C-alpha atoms as a PDB file:
ATOM      1  CA  MET A   1     -14.986  27.307-108.911  1.00  0.00           C
ATOM      2  CA  PRO A   2     -17.744  25.712-106.811  1.00  0.00           C
ATOM      3  CA  CYS A   3     -17.449  22.152-105.625  1.00  0.00           C
ATOM      4  CA  ASN A   4     -19.543  19.691-107.645  1.00  0.00           C
ATOM      5  CA  SER A   5     -19.505  16.946-105.057  1.00  0.00           C
ATOM      6  CA  GLU A   6     -22.854  15.439-104.157  1.00  0.00           C
ATOM      7  CA  HIS A   7     -21.652  14.747-100.619  1.00  0.00           C
ATOM      8  CA  MET A   8     -20.167  17.023 -98.007  1.00  0.00           C
ATOM      9  CA  GLU A   9     -16.868  15.916 -96.592  1.00  0.00           C
ATOM     10  CA  PRO A  10     -17.244  14.464 -93.093  1.00  0.00           C
ATOM     11  CA  SER A  11     -16.299  16.628 -90.135  1.00  0.00           C
ATOM     12  CA  TYR A  12     -13.539  15.696 -87.699  1.00  0.00           C
ATOM     13  CA  ASP A  13     -16.084  14.257 -85.228  1.00  0.00           C
ATOM     14  CA  GLU A  14     -17.766  12.241 -87.972  1.00  0.00           C
ATOM     15  CA  VAL A  15     -14.460  10.762 -89.133  1.00  0.00           C
ATOM     16  CA  GLU A  16     -13.349  10.115 -85.551  1.00  0.00           C
ATOM     17  CA  SER A  17     -16.643   8.461 -84.563  1.00  0.00           C
ATOM     18  CA  ARG A  18     -16.446   6.134 -87.557  1.00  0.00           C
ATOM     19  CA  LYS A  19     -12.828   5.279 -86.756  1.00  0.00           C
ATOM     20  CA  VAL A  20     -13.547   4.615 -83.057  1.00  0.00           C
ATOM     21  CA  CYS A  21     -16.528   2.423 -83.933  1.00  0.00           C
ATOM     22  CA  GLN A  22     -14.397   0.504 -86.441  1.00  0.00           C
ATOM     23  CA  HIS A  23     -11.865  -0.106 -83.663  1.00  0.00           C
ATOM     24  CA  ILE A  24     -14.664  -1.351 -81.385  1.00  0.00           C
ATOM     25  CA  VAL A  25     -15.954  -3.734 -84.068  1.00  0.00           C
ATOM     26  CA  TYR A  26     -12.434  -5.081 -84.635  1.00  0.00           C
ATOM     27  CA  LEU A  27     -11.765  -5.494 -80.908  1.00  0.00           C
ATOM     28  CA  TYR A  28     -15.085  -7.129 -80.101  1.00  0.00           C
ATOM     29  CA  GLU A  29     -14.835  -9.520 -83.042  1.00  0.00           C
ATOM     30  CA  LYS A  30     -11.323 -10.533 -81.960  1.00  0.00           C
ATOM     31  CA  LEU A  31     -12.619 -11.157 -78.442  1.00  0.00           C
ATOM     32  CA  GLY A  32     -15.694 -13.027 -79.690  1.00  0.00           C
ATOM     33  CA  LEU A  33     -18.087 -10.466 -78.214  1.00  0.00           C
ATOM     34  CA  PRO A  34     -21.324  -9.210 -79.794  1.00  0.00           C
ATOM     35  CA  VAL A  35     -21.248  -5.688 -81.229  1.00  0.00           C
ATOM     36  CA  VAL A  36     -24.100  -3.295 -80.453  1.00  0.00           C
ATOM     37  CA  PRO A  37     -26.051  -2.420 -83.645  1.00  0.00           C
ATOM     38  CA  TRP A  38     -25.487   1.348 -83.458  1.00  0.00           C
ATOM     39  CA  ILE A  39     -21.722   0.791 -83.294  1.00  0.00           C
ATOM     40  CA  LYS A  40     -21.787  -1.494 -86.350  1.00  0.00           C
ATOM     41  CA  LYS A  41     -23.868   1.072 -88.231  1.00  0.00           C
ATOM     42  CA  ALA A  42     -21.561   3.956 -87.285  1.00  0.00           C
ATOM     43  CA  ALA A  43     -18.485   1.911 -88.276  1.00  0.00           C
ATOM     44  CA  GLU A  44     -19.945   1.401 -91.755  1.00  0.00           C
ATOM     45  CA  ASP A  45     -21.529   4.835 -92.248  1.00  0.00           C
ATOM     46  CA  TYR A  46     -19.489   7.461 -94.130  1.00  0.00           C
ATOM     47  CA  TYR A  47     -20.405  10.051 -91.485  1.00  0.00           C
ATOM     48  CA  GLY A  48     -20.172   7.770 -88.443  1.00  0.00           C
ATOM     49  CA  ASP A  49     -22.282   8.835 -85.462  1.00  0.00           C
ATOM     50  CA  PRO A  50     -20.707  12.008 -84.048  1.00  0.00           C
ATOM     51  CA  ARG A  51     -23.458  12.449 -81.431  1.00  0.00           C
ATOM     52  CA  ARG A  52     -22.166   9.291 -79.738  1.00  0.00           C
ATOM     53  CA  LEU A  53     -18.434   9.842 -80.195  1.00  0.00           C
ATOM     54  CA  GLY A  54     -17.793  10.346 -76.460  1.00  0.00           C
ATOM     55  CA  GLU A  55     -19.802   7.250 -75.608  1.00  0.00           C
ATOM     56  CA  ALA A  56     -17.927   5.186 -78.201  1.00  0.00           C
ATOM     57  CA  GLU A  57     -14.570   6.404 -76.889  1.00  0.00           C
ATOM     58  CA  LYS A  58     -15.539   5.409 -73.342  1.00  0.00           C
ATOM     59  CA  ILE A  59     -16.631   1.954 -74.510  1.00  0.00           C
ATOM     60  CA  LEU A  60     -13.359   1.413 -76.344  1.00  0.00           C
ATOM     61  CA  ILE A  61     -11.140   2.732 -73.549  1.00  0.00           C
ATOM     62  CA  ASN A  62     -12.984   0.672 -70.930  1.00  0.00           C
ATOM     63  CA  LYS A  63     -12.759  -2.528 -72.969  1.00  0.00           C
ATOM     64  CA  LEU A  64      -9.069  -1.992 -73.650  1.00  0.00           C
ATOM     65  CA  SER A  65      -8.506  -1.374 -69.932  1.00  0.00           C
ATOM     66  CA  ASP A  66     -10.238  -4.668 -69.137  1.00  0.00           C
ATOM     67  CA  LEU A  67      -7.801  -6.704 -71.248  1.00  0.00           C
ATOM     68  CA  ASN A  68      -5.026  -8.593 -69.559  1.00  0.00           C
ATOM     69  CA  GLU A  69      -1.496  -8.193 -70.911  1.00  0.00           C
ATOM     70  CA  THR A  70      -1.651 -11.305 -73.102  1.00  0.00           C
ATOM     71  CA  GLU A  71      -4.967 -10.277 -74.690  1.00  0.00           C
ATOM     72  CA  PHE A  72      -3.761  -6.716 -75.160  1.00  0.00           C
ATOM     73  CA  ASP A  73      -0.573  -7.817 -76.891  1.00  0.00           C
ATOM     74  CA  ALA A  74      -2.409 -10.301 -79.130  1.00  0.00           C
ATOM     75  CA  VAL A  75      -5.193  -7.949 -80.185  1.00  0.00           C
ATOM     76  CA  VAL A  76      -3.684  -4.452 -80.032  1.00  0.00           C
ATOM     77  CA  TYR A  77       0.053  -4.941 -80.525  1.00  0.00           C
ATOM     78  CA  ASN A  78      -0.272  -7.501 -83.317  1.00  0.00           C
ATOM     79  CA  ALA A  79       2.242  -6.183 -85.857  1.00  0.00           C
ATOM     80  CA  ARG A  80       0.789  -8.374 -88.623  1.00  0.00           C
ATOM     81  CA  SER A  81      -2.604  -6.665 -88.557  1.00  0.00           C
ATOM     82  CA  LYS A  82      -3.269  -3.213 -90.024  1.00  0.00           C
ATOM     83  CA  LYS A  83      -6.372  -2.890 -87.850  1.00  0.00           C
ATOM     84  CA  ALA A  84      -4.383  -3.748 -84.731  1.00  0.00           C
ATOM     85  CA  ARG A  85      -1.708  -1.187 -85.591  1.00  0.00           C
ATOM     86  CA  ALA A  86      -4.360   1.476 -86.221  1.00  0.00           C
ATOM     87  CA  LEU A  87      -5.978   0.654 -82.867  1.00  0.00           C
ATOM     88  CA  ALA A  88      -2.588   0.788 -81.116  1.00  0.00           C
ATOM     89  CA  ASP A  89      -1.882   4.207 -82.666  1.00  0.00           C
ATOM     90  CA  TRP A  90      -5.315   5.476 -81.609  1.00  0.00           C
ATOM     91  CA  TYR A  91      -4.847   4.118 -78.076  1.00  0.00           C
ATOM     92  CA  GLU A  92      -1.437   5.747 -77.710  1.00  0.00           C
ATOM     93  CA  ASP A  93      -2.797   9.083 -79.004  1.00  0.00           C
ATOM     94  CA  ILE A  94      -5.833   9.072 -76.691  1.00  0.00           C
ATOM     95  CA  THR A  95      -3.682   8.028 -73.722  1.00  0.00           C
ATOM     96  CA  GLU A  96      -1.312  10.914 -74.418  1.00  0.00           C
ATOM     97  CA  ARG A  97      -4.221  13.385 -74.714  1.00  0.00           C
ATOM     98  CA  ILE A  98      -5.682  12.160 -71.426  1.00  0.00           C
ATOM     99  CA  GLN A  99      -2.308  12.506 -69.695  1.00  0.00           C
ATOM    100  CA  ASP A 100      -1.899  16.035 -71.097  1.00  0.00           C
ATOM    101  CA  GLU A 101      -5.373  16.996 -69.869  1.00  0.00           C
ATOM    102  CA  LEU A 102      -4.686  15.558 -66.405  1.00  0.00           C
ATOM    103  CA  GLU A 103      -1.445  17.529 -66.238  1.00  0.00           C
ATOM    104  CA  ARG A 104      -3.259  20.719 -67.318  1.00  0.00           C
ATOM    105  CA  VAL A 105      -5.921  20.232 -64.626  1.00  0.00           C
ATOM    106  CA  LYS A 106      -3.244  19.547 -62.014  1.00  0.00           C
ATOM    107  CA  LEU A 107      -1.320  22.711 -62.948  1.00  0.00           C
ATOM    108  CA  GLU A 108      -4.516  24.779 -62.883  1.00  0.00           C
ATOM    109  CA  ALA A 109      -5.352  23.445 -59.405  1.00  0.00           C
ATOM    110  CA  GLU A 110      -1.847  24.325 -58.191  1.00  0.00           C
ATOM    111  CA  ARG A 111      -2.157  27.861 -59.609  1.00  0.00           C
ATOM    112  CA  LYS A 112      -5.525  28.310 -57.946  1.00  0.00           C
ATOM    113  CA  LYS A 113      -4.136  27.081 -54.618  1.00  0.00           C
ATOM    114  CA  ARG A 114      -1.193  29.509 -54.850  1.00  0.00           C
ATOM    115  CA  ALA A 115      -3.528  32.375 -55.746  1.00  0.00           C
ATOM    116  CA  GLU A 116      -5.811  31.588 -52.801  1.00  0.00           C
ATOM    117  CA  SER A 117      -2.804  31.423 -50.499  1.00  0.00           C
ATOM    118  CA  LEU A 118      -1.622  34.785 -51.749  1.00  0.00           C
ATOM    119  CA  LEU A 119      -5.081  36.332 -51.307  1.00  0.00           C
ATOM    120  CA  THR A 120      -5.231  35.190 -47.668  1.00  0.00           C
ATOM    121  CA  LYS A 121      -1.946  36.990 -47.038  1.00  0.00           C
ATOM    122  CA  MET A 122      -3.158  40.233 -48.601  1.00  0.00           C
ATOM    123  CA  ARG A 123      -5.035  42.895 -46.695  1.00  0.00           C
ATOM    124  CA  ALA A 124      -8.721  43.381 -47.530  1.00  0.00           C
ATOM    125  CA  GLU A 125      -8.113  46.707 -49.313  1.00  0.00           C
ATOM    126  CA  GLU A 126      -5.377  45.120 -51.483  1.00  0.00           C
ATOM    127  CA  VAL A 127      -7.761  42.318 -52.460  1.00  0.00           C
ATOM    128  CA  GLU A 128     -10.430  44.878 -53.442  1.00  0.00           C
ATOM    129  CA  ILE A 129      -7.936  46.832 -55.565  1.00  0.00           C
ATOM    130  CA  LEU A 130      -6.874  43.632 -57.324  1.00  0.00           C
ATOM    131  CA  ARG A 131     -10.496  42.560 -57.942  1.00  0.00           C
ATOM    132  CA  ASP A 132     -11.376  45.994 -59.347  1.00  0.00           C
ATOM    133  CA  TYR A 133      -8.353  45.866 -61.631  1.00  0.00           C
ATOM    134  CA  LEU A 134      -9.246  42.371 -62.891  1.00  0.00           C
ATOM    135  CA  LYS A 135     -12.834  43.443 -63.609  1.00  0.00           C
ATOM    136  CA  GLU A 136     -11.652  46.382 -65.690  1.00  0.00           C
ATOM    137  CA  ASN A 137      -9.197  44.309 -67.725  1.00  0.00           C
END
């Protein structure tokens, strides 16, 4: 049966952009800082602002990185606040994703270095055979 909803469900990026902007609003209000209008709008909008998701993530990560330990504990690790707990969960998730990506890039660089080292040890005709094989497959 077809869906009778008047609204489409938000995409992952739309949900994530709204959530990130809500975290920014919470953080900035706790720190007594003004919130940029587009962030307020995205935090309130059902679909957020997915075009600016990356920008919003950078803003939030940078501001969290600027906090000293006392501020961080008071605003992010405040167990009495649902918003603080949600921000802490988001921060831990994004930190883990960043670490995973850094590890992936590091492993890829190591593989490339090993491959280049191996190629320098191979004779020219062996390199050509390998390149031809890789092109075919």
